[in-house]
Amino acid sequence: MKTHRKSVTMEPELEKLAGNWPPWKRLAFARKLARWNRQLVVSARILLARQQPRPKRGLRRLSHPRLVRN
């Protein structure tokens, strides 16, 4: 007698949240999470940029082939 195996394995926290959801609801939630993910990454980068002082611009070092050409 075969035992019933899950066809999809999710992380335990996600399994608790969406384990019994139908496919259409999982897909809608995944789209929402993707949007939230982008918003969190963008907002975190903006906040980090505001916290860190801007580095002073220095002179650019020229590579050796450029020095030879000039």
PDB file of N, CA and C in Angstrom:
ATOM      1  N   MET A   1       0.833  -1.180   0.000  1.00  0.00           N
ATOM      2  CA  MET A   1       0.000   0.000   0.000  1.00  0.00           C
ATOM      3  C   MET A   1       0.882   1.249   0.000  1.00  0.00           C
ATOM      4  N   LYS A   2       0.614   2.154  -0.930  1.00  0.00           N
ATOM      5  CA  LYS A   2       1.411   3.380  -1.035  1.00  0.00           C
ATOM      6  C   LYS A   2       0.944   4.390   0.001  1.00  0.00           C
ATOM      7  N   THR A   3       1.899   5.140   0.516  1.00  0.00           N
ATOM      8  CA  THR A   3       1.548   6.238   1.420  1.00  0.00           C
ATOM      9  C   THR A   3       1.393   7.505   0.597  1.00  0.00           C
ATOM     10  N   HIS A   4       0.534   8.380   1.034  1.00  0.00           N
ATOM     11  CA  HIS A   4       0.298   9.638   0.331  1.00  0.00           C
ATOM     12  C   HIS A   4       1.447  10.591   0.618  1.00  0.00           C
ATOM     13  N   ARG A   5       2.121  11.027  -0.457  1.00  0.00           N
ATOM     14  CA  ARG A   5       3.221  11.984  -0.315  1.00  0.00           C
ATOM     15  C   ARG A   5       2.774  13.339  -0.816  1.00  0.00           C
ATOM     16  N   LYS A   6       3.261  14.375  -0.169  1.00  0.00           N
ATOM     17  CA  LYS A   6       2.970  15.729  -0.623  1.00  0.00           C
ATOM     18  C   LYS A   6       3.684  15.987  -1.942  1.00  0.00           C
ATOM     19  N   SER A   7       3.011  16.662  -2.842  1.00  0.00           N
ATOM     20  CA  SER A   7       3.643  16.990  -4.112  1.00  0.00           C
ATOM     21  C   SER A   7       4.420  18.300  -4.028  1.00  0.00           C
ATOM     22  N   VAL A   8       4.103  19.116  -3.035  1.00  0.00           N
ATOM     23  CA  VAL A   8       4.763  20.407  -2.873  1.00  0.00           C
ATOM     24  C   VAL A   8       5.200  20.541  -1.418  1.00  0.00           C
ATOM     25  N   THR A   9       6.469  20.922  -1.231  1.00  0.00           N
ATOM     26  CA  THR A   9       6.984  21.134   0.120  1.00  0.00           C
ATOM     27  C   THR A   9       7.233  22.621   0.306  1.00  0.00           C
ATOM     28  N   MET A  10       6.665  23.161   1.366  1.00  0.00           N
ATOM     29  CA  MET A  10       6.858  24.582   1.675  1.00  0.00           C
ATOM     30  C   MET A  10       7.541  24.693   3.036  1.00  0.00           C
ATOM     31  N   GLU A  11       8.067  25.870   3.293  1.00  0.00           N
ATOM     32  CA  GLU A  11       8.660  26.118   4.596  1.00  0.00           C
ATOM     33  C   GLU A  11       7.582  26.011   5.662  1.00  0.00           C
ATOM     34  N   PRO A  12       7.938  25.617   6.886  1.00  0.00           N
ATOM     35  CA  PRO A  12       6.938  25.380   7.932  1.00  0.00           C
ATOM     36  C   PRO A  12       6.020  26.579   8.212  1.00  0.00           C
ATOM     37  N   GLU A  13       6.581  27.773   8.265  1.00  0.00           N
ATOM     38  CA  GLU A  13       5.746  28.955   8.531  1.00  0.00           C
ATOM     39  C   GLU A  13       4.751  29.191   7.404  1.00  0.00           C
ATOM     40  N   LEU A  14       5.207  29.013   6.182  1.00  0.00           N
ATOM     41  CA  LEU A  14       4.340  29.192   5.025  1.00  0.00           C
ATOM     42  C   LEU A  14       3.289  28.082   4.962  1.00  0.00           C
ATOM     43  N   GLU A  15       3.675  26.892   5.347  1.00  0.00           N
ATOM     44  CA  GLU A  15       2.736  25.771   5.375  1.00  0.00           C
ATOM     45  C   GLU A  15       1.604  26.043   6.375  1.00  0.00           C
ATOM     46  N   LYS A  16       1.943  26.627   7.527  1.00  0.00           N
ATOM     47  CA  LYS A  16       0.912  26.969   8.517  1.00  0.00           C
ATOM     48  C   LYS A  16      -0.051  28.008   7.963  1.00  0.00           C
ATOM     49  N   LEU A  17       0.507  28.975   7.226  1.00  0.00           N
ATOM     50  CA  LEU A  17      -0.294  30.069   6.706  1.00  0.00           C
ATOM     51  C   LEU A  17      -1.141  29.654   5.510  1.00  0.00           C
ATOM     52  N   ALA A  18      -0.531  29.012   4.528  1.00  0.00           N
ATOM     53  CA  ALA A  18      -1.207  28.779   3.257  1.00  0.00           C
ATOM     54  C   ALA A  18      -1.348  27.302   2.903  1.00  0.00           C
ATOM     55  N   GLY A  19      -1.138  26.422   3.836  1.00  0.00           N
ATOM     56  CA  GLY A  19      -1.160  24.998   3.550  1.00  0.00           C
ATOM     57  C   GLY A  19      -2.481  24.487   3.008  1.00  0.00           C
ATOM     58  N   ASN A  20      -3.581  25.056   3.428  1.00  0.00           N
ATOM     59  CA  ASN A  20      -4.899  24.568   3.002  1.00  0.00           C
ATOM     60  C   ASN A  20      -5.569  25.465   1.967  1.00  0.00           C
ATOM     61  N   TRP A  21      -4.848  26.449   1.464  1.00  0.00           N
ATOM     62  CA  TRP A  21      -5.427  27.365   0.486  1.00  0.00           C
ATOM     63  C   TRP A  21      -5.529  26.711  -0.890  1.00  0.00           C
ATOM     64  N   PRO A  22      -6.544  27.077  -1.659  1.00  0.00           N
ATOM     65  CA  PRO A  22      -6.621  26.588  -3.040  1.00  0.00           C
ATOM     66  C   PRO A  22      -5.563  27.281  -3.901  1.00  0.00           C
ATOM     67  N   PRO A  23      -5.255  26.714  -5.058  1.00  0.00           N
ATOM     68  CA  PRO A  23      -4.188  27.287  -5.906  1.00  0.00           C
ATOM     69  C   PRO A  23      -4.409  28.742  -6.289  1.00  0.00           C
ATOM     70  N   TRP A  24      -5.636  29.138  -6.612  1.00  0.00           N
ATOM     71  CA  TRP A  24      -5.868  30.524  -7.037  1.00  0.00           C
ATOM     72  C   TRP A  24      -5.574  31.498  -5.914  1.00  0.00           C
ATOM     73  N   LYS A  25      -5.851  31.112  -4.656  1.00  0.00           N
ATOM     74  CA  LYS A  25      -5.579  31.996  -3.527  1.00  0.00           C
ATOM     75  C   LYS A  25      -4.070  32.076  -3.257  1.00  0.00           C
ATOM     76  N   ARG A  26      -3.380  30.962  -3.429  1.00  0.00           N
ATOM     77  CA  ARG A  26      -1.919  30.964  -3.265  1.00  0.00           C
ATOM     78  C   ARG A  26      -1.256  31.878  -4.289  1.00  0.00           C
ATOM     79  N   LEU A  27      -1.748  31.812  -5.526  1.00  0.00           N
ATOM     80  CA  LEU A  27      -1.180  32.644  -6.580  1.00  0.00           C
ATOM     81  C   LEU A  27      -1.419  34.128  -6.310  1.00  0.00           C
ATOM     82  N   ALA A  28      -2.605  34.483  -5.870  1.00  0.00           N
ATOM     83  CA  ALA A  28      -2.907  35.880  -5.548  1.00  0.00           C
ATOM     84  C   ALA A  28      -2.026  36.372  -4.401  1.00  0.00           C
ATOM     85  N   PHE A  29      -1.836  35.530  -3.403  1.00  0.00           N
ATOM     86  CA  PHE A  29      -1.002  35.912  -2.264  1.00  0.00           C
ATOM     87  C   PHE A  29       0.468  36.041  -2.687  1.00  0.00           C
ATOM     88  N   ALA A  30       0.924  35.157  -3.572  1.00  0.00           N
ATOM     89  CA  ALA A  30       2.305  35.236  -4.057  1.00  0.00           C
ATOM     90  C   ALA A  30       2.549  36.542  -4.803  1.00  0.00           C
ATOM     91  N   ARG A  31       1.572  36.969  -5.596  1.00  0.00           N
ATOM     92  CA  ARG A  31       1.712  38.249  -6.302  1.00  0.00           C
ATOM     93  C   ARG A  31       1.793  39.411  -5.325  1.00  0.00           C
ATOM     94  N   LYS A  32       0.974  39.345  -4.289  1.00  0.00           N
ATOM     95  CA  LYS A  32       1.000  40.405  -3.276  1.00  0.00           C
ATOM     96  C   LYS A  32       2.350  40.424  -2.566  1.00  0.00           C
ATOM     97  N   LEU A  33       2.876  39.259  -2.219  1.00  0.00           N
ATOM     98  CA  LEU A  33       4.175  39.193  -1.561  1.00  0.00           C
ATOM     99  C   LEU A  33       5.287  39.725  -2.460  1.00  0.00           C
ATOM    100  N   ALA A  34       5.200  39.466  -3.747  1.00  0.00           N
ATOM    101  CA  ALA A  34       6.214  39.974  -4.683  1.00  0.00           C
ATOM    102  C   ALA A  34       6.207  41.502  -4.709  1.00  0.00           C
ATOM    103  N   ARG A  35       5.000  42.088  -4.733  1.00  0.00           N
ATOM    104  CA  ARG A  35       4.899  43.557  -4.696  1.00  0.00           C
ATOM    105  C   ARG A  35       5.472  44.092  -3.393  1.00  0.00           C
ATOM    106  N   TRP A  36       5.116  43.467  -2.277  1.00  0.00           N
ATOM    107  CA  TRP A  36       5.612  43.911  -0.978  1.00  0.00           C
ATOM    108  C   TRP A  36       7.125  43.769  -0.895  1.00  0.00           C
ATOM    109  N   ASN A  37       7.656  42.710  -1.471  1.00  0.00           N
ATOM    110  CA  ASN A  37       9.091  42.500  -1.468  1.00  0.00           C
ATOM    111  C   ASN A  37       9.805  43.654  -2.161  1.00  0.00           C
ATOM    112  N   ARG A  38       9.329  44.020  -3.352  1.00  0.00           N
ATOM    113  CA  ARG A  38       9.950  45.139  -4.071  1.00  0.00           C
ATOM    114  C   ARG A  38       9.861  46.429  -3.256  1.00  0.00           C
ATOM    115  N   GLN A  39       8.698  46.681  -2.660  1.00  0.00           N
ATOM    116  CA  GLN A  39       8.524  47.908  -1.890  1.00  0.00           C
ATOM    117  C   GLN A  39       9.449  47.933  -0.672  1.00  0.00           C
ATOM    118  N   LEU A  40       9.619  46.787  -0.013  1.00  0.00           N
ATOM    119  CA  LEU A  40      10.504  46.732   1.150  1.00  0.00           C
ATOM    120  C   LEU A  40      11.961  46.965   0.751  1.00  0.00           C
ATOM    121  N   VAL A  41      12.382  46.381  -0.349  1.00  0.00           N
ATOM    122  CA  VAL A  41      13.768  46.545  -0.791  1.00  0.00           C
ATOM    123  C   VAL A  41      14.032  48.000  -1.170  1.00  0.00           C
ATOM    124  N   VAL A  42      13.138  48.603  -1.929  1.00  0.00           N
ATOM    125  CA  VAL A  42      13.326  49.996  -2.348  1.00  0.00           C
ATOM    126  C   VAL A  42      13.323  50.924  -1.138  1.00  0.00           C
ATOM    127  N   SER A  43      12.371  50.754  -0.229  1.00  0.00           N
ATOM    128  CA  SER A  43      12.307  51.634   0.942  1.00  0.00           C
ATOM    129  C   SER A  43      13.527  51.449   1.832  1.00  0.00           C
ATOM    130  N   ALA A  44      14.031  50.219   1.962  1.00  0.00           N
ATOM    131  CA  ALA A  44      15.226  49.986   2.775  1.00  0.00           C
ATOM    132  C   ALA A  44      16.448  50.665   2.160  1.00  0.00           C
ATOM    133  N   ARG A  45      16.567  50.610   0.835  1.00  0.00           N
ATOM    134  CA  ARG A  45      17.707  51.267   0.175  1.00  0.00           C
ATOM    135  C   ARG A  45      17.640  52.782   0.339  1.00  0.00           C
ATOM    136  N   ILE A  46      16.441  53.334   0.252  1.00  0.00           N
ATOM    137  CA  ILE A  46      16.280  54.780   0.428  1.00  0.00           C
ATOM    138  C   ILE A  46      16.656  55.180   1.850  1.00  0.00           C
ATOM    139  N   LEU A  47      16.170  54.422   2.828  1.00  0.00           N
ATOM    140  CA  LEU A  47      16.481  54.740   4.225  1.00  0.00           C
ATOM    141  C   LEU A  47      17.968  54.592   4.517  1.00  0.00           C
ATOM    142  N   LEU A  48      18.611  53.570   3.966  1.00  0.00           N
ATOM    143  CA  LEU A  48      20.051  53.402   4.166  1.00  0.00           C
ATOM    144  C   LEU A  48      20.834  54.544   3.533  1.00  0.00           C
ATOM    145  N   ALA A  49      20.410  54.969   2.359  1.00  0.00           N
ATOM    146  CA  ALA A  49      21.100  56.070   1.686  1.00  0.00           C
ATOM    147  C   ALA A  49      20.987  57.363   2.490  1.00  0.00           C
ATOM    148  N   ARG A  50      19.865  57.563   3.150  1.00  0.00           N
ATOM    149  CA  ARG A  50      19.687  58.770   3.962  1.00  0.00           C
ATOM    150  C   ARG A  50      20.534  58.725   5.224  1.00  0.00           C
ATOM    151  N   GLN A  51      20.770  57.538   5.763  1.00  0.00           N
ATOM    152  CA  GLN A  51      21.525  57.419   7.008  1.00  0.00           C
ATOM    153  C   GLN A  51      23.020  57.588   6.799  1.00  0.00           C
ATOM    154  N   GLN A  52      23.552  57.082   5.709  1.00  0.00           N
ATOM    155  CA  GLN A  52      24.986  57.084   5.495  1.00  0.00           C
ATOM    156  C   GLN A  52      25.421  58.388   4.847  1.00  0.00           C
ATOM    157  N   PRO A  53      26.469  58.987   5.382  1.00  0.00           N
ATOM    158  CA  PRO A  53      26.967  60.216   4.746  1.00  0.00           C
ATOM    159  C   PRO A  53      27.537  59.894   3.370  1.00  0.00           C
ATOM    160  N   ARG A  54      27.371  60.824   2.471  1.00  0.00           N
ATOM    161  CA  ARG A  54      27.879  60.634   1.113  1.00  0.00           C
ATOM    162  C   ARG A  54      29.403  60.703   1.136  1.00  0.00           C
ATOM    163  N   PRO A  55      30.065  59.794   0.451  1.00  0.00           N
ATOM    164  CA  PRO A  55      31.531  59.859   0.404  1.00  0.00           C
ATOM    165  C   PRO A  55      31.985  61.047  -0.435  1.00  0.00           C
ATOM    166  N   LYS A  56      33.120  61.610  -0.054  1.00  0.00           N
ATOM    167  CA  LYS A  56      33.668  62.735  -0.808  1.00  0.00           C
ATOM    168  C   LYS A  56      34.191  62.221  -2.134  1.00  0.00           C
ATOM    169  N   ARG A  57      33.954  63.007  -3.163  1.00  0.00           N
ATOM    170  CA  ARG A  57      34.458  62.629  -4.483  1.00  0.00           C
ATOM    171  C   ARG A  57      35.939  62.975  -4.547  1.00  0.00           C
ATOM    172  N   GLY A  58      36.712  62.016  -4.940  1.00  0.00           N
ATOM    173  CA  GLY A  58      38.144  62.236  -5.080  1.00  0.00           C
ATOM    174  C   GLY A  58      38.528  62.225  -6.538  1.00  0.00           C
ATOM    175  N   LEU A  59      39.772  62.385  -6.778  1.00  0.00           N
ATOM    176  CA  LEU A  59      40.260  62.312  -8.143  1.00  0.00           C
ATOM    177  C   LEU A  59      40.249  60.855  -8.595  1.00  0.00           C
ATOM    178  N   ARG A  60      39.852  60.657  -9.837  1.00  0.00           N
ATOM    179  CA  ARG A  60      39.859  59.302 -10.383  1.00  0.00           C
ATOM    180  C   ARG A  60      41.273  58.917 -10.762  1.00  0.00           C
ATOM    181  N   ARG A  61      41.630  57.705 -10.440  1.00  0.00           N
ATOM    182  CA  ARG A  61      42.936  57.211 -10.839  1.00  0.00           C
ATOM    183  C   ARG A  61      42.832  56.708 -12.267  1.00  0.00           C
ATOM    184  N   LEU A  62      43.780  57.086 -13.070  1.00  0.00           N
ATOM    185  CA  LEU A  62      43.814  56.628 -14.448  1.00  0.00           C
ATOM    186  C   LEU A  62      44.652  55.358 -14.524  1.00  0.00           C
ATOM    187  N   SER A  63      44.183  54.434 -15.321  1.00  0.00           N
ATOM    188  CA  SER A  63      44.960  53.217 -15.496  1.00  0.00           C
ATOM    189  C   SER A  63      46.200  53.528 -16.329  1.00  0.00           C
ATOM    190  N   HIS A  64      47.154  52.669 -16.287  1.00  0.00           N
ATOM    191  CA  HIS A  64      48.425  52.889 -16.985  1.00  0.00           C
ATOM    192  C   HIS A  64      48.257  53.101 -18.487  1.00  0.00           C
ATOM    193  N   PRO A  65      47.436  52.308 -19.208  1.00  0.00           N
ATOM    194  CA  PRO A  65      47.291  52.571 -20.658  1.00  0.00           C
ATOM    195  C   PRO A  65      46.739  53.965 -20.958  1.00  0.00           C
ATOM    196  N   ARG A  66      45.888  54.475 -20.133  1.00  0.00           N
ATOM    197  CA  ARG A  66      45.369  55.834 -20.361  1.00  0.00           C
ATOM    198  C   ARG A  66      46.466  56.880 -20.155  1.00  0.00           C
ATOM    199  N   LEU A  67      47.306  56.664 -19.174  1.00  0.00           N
ATOM    200  CA  LEU A  67      48.396  57.603 -18.922  1.00  0.00           C
ATOM    201  C   LEU A  67      49.368  57.633 -20.098  1.00  0.00           C
ATOM    202  N   VAL A  68      49.612  56.499 -20.686  1.00  0.00           N
ATOM    203  CA  VAL A  68      50.526  56.420 -21.811  1.00  0.00           C
ATOM    204  C   VAL A  68      49.969  57.150 -23.014  1.00  0.00           C
ATOM    205  N   ARG A  69      48.657  57.041 -23.250  1.00  0.00           N
ATOM    206  CA  ARG A  69      48.039  57.687 -24.406  1.00  0.00           C
ATOM    207  C   ARG A  69      48.022  59.196 -24.281  1.00  0.00           C
ATOM    208  N   ASN A  70      47.952  59.702 -23.074  1.00  0.00           N
ATOM    209  CA  ASN A  70      47.865  61.175 -22.911  1.00  0.00           C
ATOM    210  C   ASN A  70      49.217  61.742 -22.966  1.00  0.00           C
TER     211      ASN A  70
END
